[in-house]
Amino acid sequence: MQKVRLGRTGLEVSVAGLGCGGHSRLGMAKGKDVHHAADMVRRALDLGVTFIDTARAYGTEEAVGMGVKGRRGEAVISSKAGIGRGAELMSAGDMARYVDDCLRKLDTDYVDVFHLHGVTPAQYPHARDVMVPELKRQQAAGKLRFLAISEQFGGDTGHAMFRECLADDLFDVVMVGFSILNPSARQRVFPQTRAKNVGTLIMFAVREALSRPDELGKVVGELIARGEIDADAVDADDPLGFLGDGHAVVEAAYRFCRHEPGAHVVLTGTGDPEHLKANIAAIQAPPLAPEVLARLDGIFGRVDSVSGN
């Protein structure tokens, strides 16, 4: 397994991270039980994956705890807690209880990387002024090693939250949406994270629009209609046909993210062992050819309005 240094945390982690959320949630979203999900964690560790990402909202913290039992030293565990919905924002006391609940579910004394989860631009001031001081108290108590934040990419596809957040430089790690379909983090996030040596976790590398041709065609049609894609630059009937079949598109999508300057860990989630192996192999594959990257940039380089989900 290829390794990378996760920015200023100094952690040496696998370039492929096991994402325990998404549409699969280690298979639990599709009817599998917690024991199957825990086995997926063990399989990932066996394949050399050392970065495991879960969250309160995913319902997979317990599975991760079961999966790393007896192997805690092999895993860098990342978890998250949201800070509320709309105008209903949680208190510092709520967050302290969430951290303790997280540790209990994971059956561990500490979390390596703890995120404020899916923070919107409107929520960010509360995250900065109320949540960060509490997380620092939890960090001083030894419960958390490094502080992190993830964006609400589905509703913030242009990374507005990170404009203010990265300027404040309060977090050691960020989780950012980045893909072939929306590479806007290249200009809006990675220059700042690289300058400040902030670790980056890449989410949304492959979602429905890159794994289902019918969905991809629909998304590209909408982008053409909005003027974000030049109709003359793309075959609307087969927008990524030049990459190959469906499997080749998924592989290319992971390779695209893995080798982007400023990208550290690429997250991949599944409840299928063979699918996990294939995705890890794709993340570790060589960079895409320069002419392929140039063609992708010519098509999607101006896109910042879709998540691909």
Protein backbone atom coordinates (compact mmCIF):
# COMPACT_ATOMS: atom_id res chain seq x y z
CA MET A 1 0.00 0.00 0.00
CA GLN A 2 1.28 3.45 -0.94
CA LYS A 3 1.57 5.83 1.99
CA VAL A 4 1.37 9.61 2.30
CA ARG A 5 2.05 12.11 5.07
CA LEU A 6 -1.23 13.71 6.12
CA GLY A 7 -0.04 17.29 6.14
CA ARG A 8 1.09 18.81 9.42
CA THR A 9 -0.38 15.97 11.47
CA GLY A 10 2.74 14.02 10.57
CA LEU A 11 0.62 10.86 10.33
CA GLU A 12 1.79 8.36 7.70
CA VAL A 13 -1.40 6.92 6.23
CA SER A 14 -2.55 4.85 3.28
CA VAL A 15 -3.41 6.81 0.14
CA ALA A 16 -6.68 4.85 0.03
CA GLY A 17 -9.00 5.51 2.95
CA LEU A 18 -12.01 3.39 3.85
CA GLY A 19 -15.09 5.62 3.78
CA CYS A 20 -17.76 4.20 6.07
CA GLY A 21 -20.57 6.48 4.88
CA GLY A 22 -21.85 7.24 1.40
CA HIS A 23 -24.53 5.15 -0.29
CA SER A 24 -23.17 1.89 1.12
CA ARG A 25 -22.12 2.49 4.73
CA LEU A 26 -20.07 -0.71 4.56
CA GLY A 27 -23.14 -2.51 3.26
CA MET A 28 -25.41 -1.51 6.16
CA ALA A 29 -27.39 0.88 3.95
CA LYS A 30 -28.20 -2.12 1.75
CA GLY A 31 -29.35 -4.52 4.43
CA LYS A 32 -26.09 -5.93 5.77
CA ASP A 33 -25.56 -6.09 9.52
CA VAL A 34 -22.91 -4.61 11.78
CA HIS A 35 -20.87 -7.81 11.68
CA HIS A 36 -20.58 -7.64 7.89
CA ALA A 37 -19.56 -3.98 8.18
CA ALA A 38 -16.92 -4.83 10.80
CA ASP A 39 -15.59 -7.54 8.50
CA MET A 40 -15.22 -4.94 5.73
CA VAL A 41 -13.05 -2.90 8.10
CA ARG A 42 -10.89 -5.97 8.79
CA ARG A 43 -10.59 -6.69 5.07
CA ALA A 44 -9.48 -3.12 4.46
CA LEU A 45 -6.80 -3.43 7.14
CA ASP A 46 -5.66 -6.71 5.57
CA LEU A 47 -5.27 -4.88 2.24
CA GLY A 48 -3.06 -2.25 3.84
CA VAL A 49 -5.64 0.49 4.38
CA THR A 50 -4.76 2.36 7.56
CA PHE A 51 -7.11 5.36 7.33
CA ILE A 52 -10.69 4.58 8.40
CA ASP A 53 -13.31 7.35 8.21
CA THR A 54 -16.65 7.12 9.97
CA ALA A 55 -19.14 9.53 11.55
CA ARG A 56 -21.96 9.73 14.04
CA ALA A 57 -24.41 10.29 11.17
CA TYR A 58 -23.29 7.17 9.28
CA GLY A 59 -24.18 4.74 12.06
CA THR A 60 -20.94 2.82 11.47
CA GLU A 61 -18.82 3.86 14.46
CA GLU A 62 -19.66 0.64 16.30
CA ALA A 63 -18.70 -1.43 13.23
CA VAL A 64 -15.37 0.36 13.00
CA GLY A 65 -14.73 -0.28 16.69
CA MET A 66 -15.46 -3.96 16.19
CA GLY A 67 -13.33 -4.11 13.05
CA VAL A 68 -10.21 -2.61 14.60
CA LYS A 69 -10.48 -4.50 17.89
CA GLY A 70 -7.08 -6.01 18.61
CA ARG A 71 -5.60 -3.98 15.73
CA ARG A 72 -6.06 -0.40 16.97
CA GLY A 73 -2.39 0.37 16.39
CA GLU A 74 -2.81 -0.36 12.66
CA ALA A 75 -5.59 2.17 12.17
CA VAL A 76 -5.84 5.94 12.00
CA ILE A 77 -9.49 6.53 12.88
CA SER A 78 -11.39 9.58 11.69
CA SER A 79 -14.86 10.40 12.95
CA LYS A 80 -17.23 13.35 12.85
CA ALA A 81 -20.15 15.04 14.56
CA GLY A 82 -22.49 17.58 13.01
CA ILE A 83 -23.09 20.86 14.78
CA GLY A 84 -26.83 21.13 14.20
CA ARG A 85 -29.44 21.82 11.55
CA GLY A 86 -30.41 25.23 10.29
CA ALA A 87 -30.75 27.67 13.18
CA GLU A 88 -30.68 24.86 15.78
CA LEU A 89 -26.98 24.68 16.62
CA MET A 90 -25.57 22.48 19.33
CA SER A 91 -23.86 23.71 22.46
CA ALA A 92 -20.31 23.03 23.59
CA GLY A 93 -21.75 20.66 26.19
CA ASP A 94 -23.56 18.73 23.47
CA MET A 95 -20.29 18.33 21.57
CA ALA A 96 -18.50 17.10 24.68
CA ARG A 97 -21.18 14.42 25.11
CA TYR A 98 -20.91 13.50 21.41
CA VAL A 99 -17.16 12.99 21.75
CA ASP A 100 -17.66 10.65 24.72
CA ASP A 101 -20.38 8.78 22.81
CA CYS A 102 -18.06 8.45 19.83
CA LEU A 103 -15.29 6.96 21.98
CA ARG A 104 -17.76 4.53 23.54
CA LYS A 105 -19.05 3.32 20.16
CA LEU A 106 -15.54 3.02 18.72
CA ASP A 107 -14.38 1.27 21.92
CA THR A 108 -11.23 3.37 22.02
CA ASP A 109 -9.61 5.96 24.27
CA TYR A 110 -8.98 8.49 21.50
CA VAL A 111 -9.88 9.47 17.94
CA ASP A 112 -6.97 10.37 15.68
CA VAL A 113 -8.83 12.90 13.51
CA PHE A 114 -12.13 14.41 14.68
CA HIS A 115 -14.24 16.53 12.31
CA LEU A 116 -16.98 19.05 12.60
CA HIS A 117 -19.20 17.38 10.03
CA GLY A 118 -20.74 18.97 6.93
CA VAL A 119 -20.37 22.55 8.10
CA THR A 120 -22.20 25.09 5.94
CA PRO A 121 -21.04 28.67 5.35
CA ALA A 122 -23.79 29.92 7.67
CA GLN A 123 -22.74 27.51 10.43
CA TYR A 124 -19.06 28.25 10.23
CA PRO A 125 -18.96 31.18 12.72
CA HIS A 126 -20.58 28.93 15.34
CA ALA A 127 -18.08 26.19 14.50
CA ARG A 128 -15.19 28.61 14.95
CA ASP A 129 -16.39 30.43 18.06
CA VAL A 130 -18.13 27.67 20.03
CA MET A 131 -17.15 24.26 18.72
CA VAL A 132 -13.41 24.73 18.19
CA PRO A 133 -12.74 25.85 21.79
CA GLU A 134 -14.61 22.77 23.03
CA LEU A 135 -12.69 20.47 20.68
CA LYS A 136 -9.46 21.98 21.96
CA ARG A 137 -10.54 21.11 25.49
CA GLN A 138 -11.23 17.55 24.37
CA GLN A 139 -7.85 17.50 22.64
CA ALA A 140 -6.11 18.68 25.82
CA ALA A 141 -7.85 15.84 27.67
CA GLY A 142 -6.29 13.35 25.24
CA LYS A 143 -9.55 12.28 23.62
CA LEU A 144 -8.78 13.78 20.20
CA ARG A 145 -5.42 14.02 18.45
CA PHE A 146 -6.10 16.36 15.53
CA LEU A 147 -8.96 18.71 14.68
CA ALA A 148 -10.68 18.58 11.31
CA ILE A 149 -13.68 19.90 9.40
CA SER A 150 -15.69 18.68 6.42
CA GLU A 151 -17.77 20.74 4.05
CA GLN A 152 -21.41 20.17 3.11
CA PHE A 153 -20.41 19.53 -0.50
CA GLY A 154 -23.88 18.68 -1.75
CA GLY A 155 -25.04 22.22 -0.99
CA ASP A 156 -21.67 24.01 -1.13
CA THR A 157 -20.19 22.76 -4.38
CA GLY A 158 -18.11 25.92 -4.78
CA HIS A 159 -16.38 25.54 -1.37
CA ALA A 160 -17.65 28.83 0.10
CA MET A 161 -17.19 27.61 3.70
CA PHE A 162 -13.53 26.87 3.13
CA ARG A 163 -12.76 30.39 1.95
CA GLU A 164 -13.19 31.69 5.50
CA CYS A 165 -12.21 28.50 7.29
CA LEU A 166 -8.82 28.09 5.64
CA ALA A 167 -7.96 31.72 6.29
CA ASP A 168 -8.55 31.14 10.01
CA ASP A 169 -6.25 28.09 9.94
CA LEU A 170 -7.81 26.31 12.93
CA PHE A 171 -7.91 22.77 11.54
CA ASP A 172 -5.15 20.26 10.85
CA VAL A 173 -7.21 18.28 8.32
CA VAL A 174 -10.08 19.08 5.95
CA MET A 175 -12.42 16.84 3.98
CA VAL A 176 -13.20 18.29 0.57
CA GLY A 177 -15.31 17.28 -2.42
CA PHE A 178 -13.22 16.86 -5.57
CA SER A 179 -13.78 14.89 -8.76
CA ILE A 180 -13.53 14.85 -12.52
CA LEU A 181 -16.97 16.48 -12.65
CA ASN A 182 -16.18 19.31 -10.24
CA PRO A 183 -12.46 20.08 -9.92
CA SER A 184 -13.00 23.56 -8.46
CA ALA A 185 -11.05 22.70 -5.28
CA ARG A 186 -7.98 22.88 -7.50
CA GLN A 187 -8.21 26.68 -7.45
CA ARG A 188 -10.27 27.30 -4.30
CA VAL A 189 -8.97 24.86 -1.70
CA PHE A 190 -5.69 23.13 -2.51
CA PRO A 191 -3.53 26.27 -2.88
CA GLN A 192 -4.44 27.24 0.70
CA THR A 193 -4.11 23.74 2.17
CA ARG A 194 -0.73 23.27 0.51
CA ALA A 195 0.50 26.64 1.76
CA LYS A 196 -0.56 25.84 5.34
CA ASN A 197 0.36 22.13 5.20
CA VAL A 198 -3.21 21.08 6.01
CA GLY A 199 -4.03 17.42 5.43
CA THR A 200 -6.74 16.71 2.86
CA LEU A 201 -9.23 13.87 2.60
CA ILE A 202 -10.96 13.57 -0.77
CA MET A 203 -14.64 12.68 -0.83
CA PHE A 204 -17.03 12.38 -3.79
CA ALA A 205 -14.27 11.01 -6.05
CA VAL A 206 -16.86 8.61 -7.48
CA ARG A 207 -20.59 9.06 -6.95
CA GLU A 208 -23.65 8.17 -9.02
CA ALA A 209 -22.84 10.45 -11.94
CA LEU A 210 -19.54 8.66 -12.53
CA SER A 211 -20.78 5.13 -11.89
CA ARG A 212 -24.05 5.33 -13.86
CA PRO A 213 -23.89 6.40 -17.52
CA ASP A 214 -27.51 7.53 -17.57
CA GLU A 215 -26.93 9.84 -14.61
CA LEU A 216 -23.72 11.19 -16.17
CA GLY A 217 -25.56 12.09 -19.36
CA LYS A 218 -28.22 13.90 -17.39
CA VAL A 219 -25.68 15.90 -15.37
CA VAL A 220 -23.65 16.85 -18.44
CA GLY A 221 -26.82 17.97 -20.23
CA GLU A 222 -27.68 20.26 -17.31
CA LEU A 223 -24.14 21.68 -17.24
CA ILE A 224 -24.30 22.42 -20.96
CA ALA A 225 -27.64 24.16 -20.46
CA ARG A 226 -26.12 26.32 -17.71
CA GLY A 227 -23.11 27.19 -19.81
CA GLU A 228 -20.57 25.51 -17.52
CA ILE A 229 -19.63 23.05 -20.26
CA ASP A 230 -19.09 23.94 -23.90
CA ALA A 231 -21.37 21.72 -25.98
CA ASP A 232 -18.73 21.54 -28.72
CA ALA A 233 -16.16 20.10 -26.28
CA VAL A 234 -18.08 16.99 -25.32
CA ASP A 235 -20.05 14.11 -26.81
CA ALA A 236 -23.31 14.57 -24.92
CA ASP A 237 -24.34 10.97 -25.64
CA ASP A 238 -21.13 9.49 -24.20
CA PRO A 239 -19.32 12.29 -22.29
CA LEU A 240 -16.50 10.15 -20.92
CA GLY A 241 -16.41 7.50 -23.62
CA PHE A 242 -12.80 8.40 -24.40
CA LEU A 243 -11.83 6.92 -21.01
CA GLY A 244 -13.29 3.50 -21.85
CA ASP A 245 -16.18 1.50 -20.40
CA GLY A 246 -17.84 2.05 -17.04
CA HIS A 247 -15.10 0.31 -15.07
CA ALA A 248 -12.45 2.38 -16.81
CA VAL A 249 -14.31 5.59 -15.96
CA VAL A 250 -14.41 4.68 -12.27
CA GLU A 251 -10.72 3.79 -12.29
CA ALA A 252 -9.87 7.05 -14.06
CA ALA A 253 -11.91 9.00 -11.53
CA TYR A 254 -9.88 7.60 -8.64
CA ARG A 255 -6.59 8.15 -10.45
CA PHE A 256 -7.62 11.73 -11.25
CA CYS A 257 -8.06 12.48 -7.54
CA ARG A 258 -5.12 10.49 -6.22
CA HIS A 259 -2.50 12.36 -8.23
CA GLU A 260 -3.88 15.89 -7.84
CA PRO A 261 -1.31 18.14 -6.13
CA GLY A 262 -2.67 18.84 -2.66
CA ALA A 263 -4.75 15.65 -2.40
CA HIS A 264 -3.65 13.21 0.29
CA VAL A 265 -6.13 10.43 1.11
CA VAL A 266 -8.82 9.38 -1.39
CA LEU A 267 -11.83 7.84 0.35
CA THR A 268 -13.67 4.88 -1.09
CA GLY A 269 -16.67 3.13 0.41
CA THR A 270 -18.35 -0.18 -0.33
CA GLY A 271 -19.86 -3.22 1.30
CA ASP A 272 -18.42 -5.59 -1.31
CA PRO A 273 -14.94 -7.10 -0.75
CA GLU A 274 -14.11 -7.43 -4.45
CA HIS A 275 -15.28 -3.89 -5.12
CA LEU A 276 -13.02 -2.69 -2.30
CA LYS A 277 -10.02 -4.45 -3.85
CA ALA A 278 -10.70 -2.92 -7.26
CA ASN A 279 -11.09 0.58 -5.85
CA ILE A 280 -7.88 0.34 -3.84
CA ALA A 281 -6.04 -0.84 -6.96
CA ALA A 282 -7.44 2.11 -8.92
CA ILE A 283 -6.35 4.61 -6.28
CA GLN A 284 -2.83 3.19 -6.42
CA ALA A 285 -2.63 3.16 -10.22
CA PRO A 286 -0.36 5.60 -12.11
CA PRO A 287 -1.47 9.13 -13.08
CA LEU A 288 -3.69 9.67 -16.09
CA ALA A 289 -1.89 10.65 -19.28
CA PRO A 290 -1.31 14.40 -19.74
CA GLU A 291 -3.49 14.48 -22.85
CA VAL A 292 -6.36 12.85 -20.93
CA LEU A 293 -6.03 15.37 -18.10
CA ALA A 294 -6.00 18.20 -20.62
CA ARG A 295 -9.16 16.89 -22.27
CA LEU A 296 -10.92 16.54 -18.92
CA ASP A 297 -9.93 20.08 -17.99
CA GLY A 298 -11.22 21.32 -21.32
CA ILE A 299 -14.62 19.79 -20.59
CA PHE A 300 -15.08 20.20 -16.81
CA GLY A 301 -12.52 22.81 -15.82
CA ARG A 302 -15.12 25.54 -15.19
CA VAL A 303 -17.65 23.40 -13.34
CA ASP A 304 -18.40 24.24 -9.69
CA SER A 305 -22.14 23.59 -9.35
CA VAL A 306 -22.46 19.79 -9.04
CA SER A 307 -21.36 17.17 -6.54
CA GLY A 308 -22.00 14.17 -8.77
CA ASN A 309 -24.22 12.61 -6.10
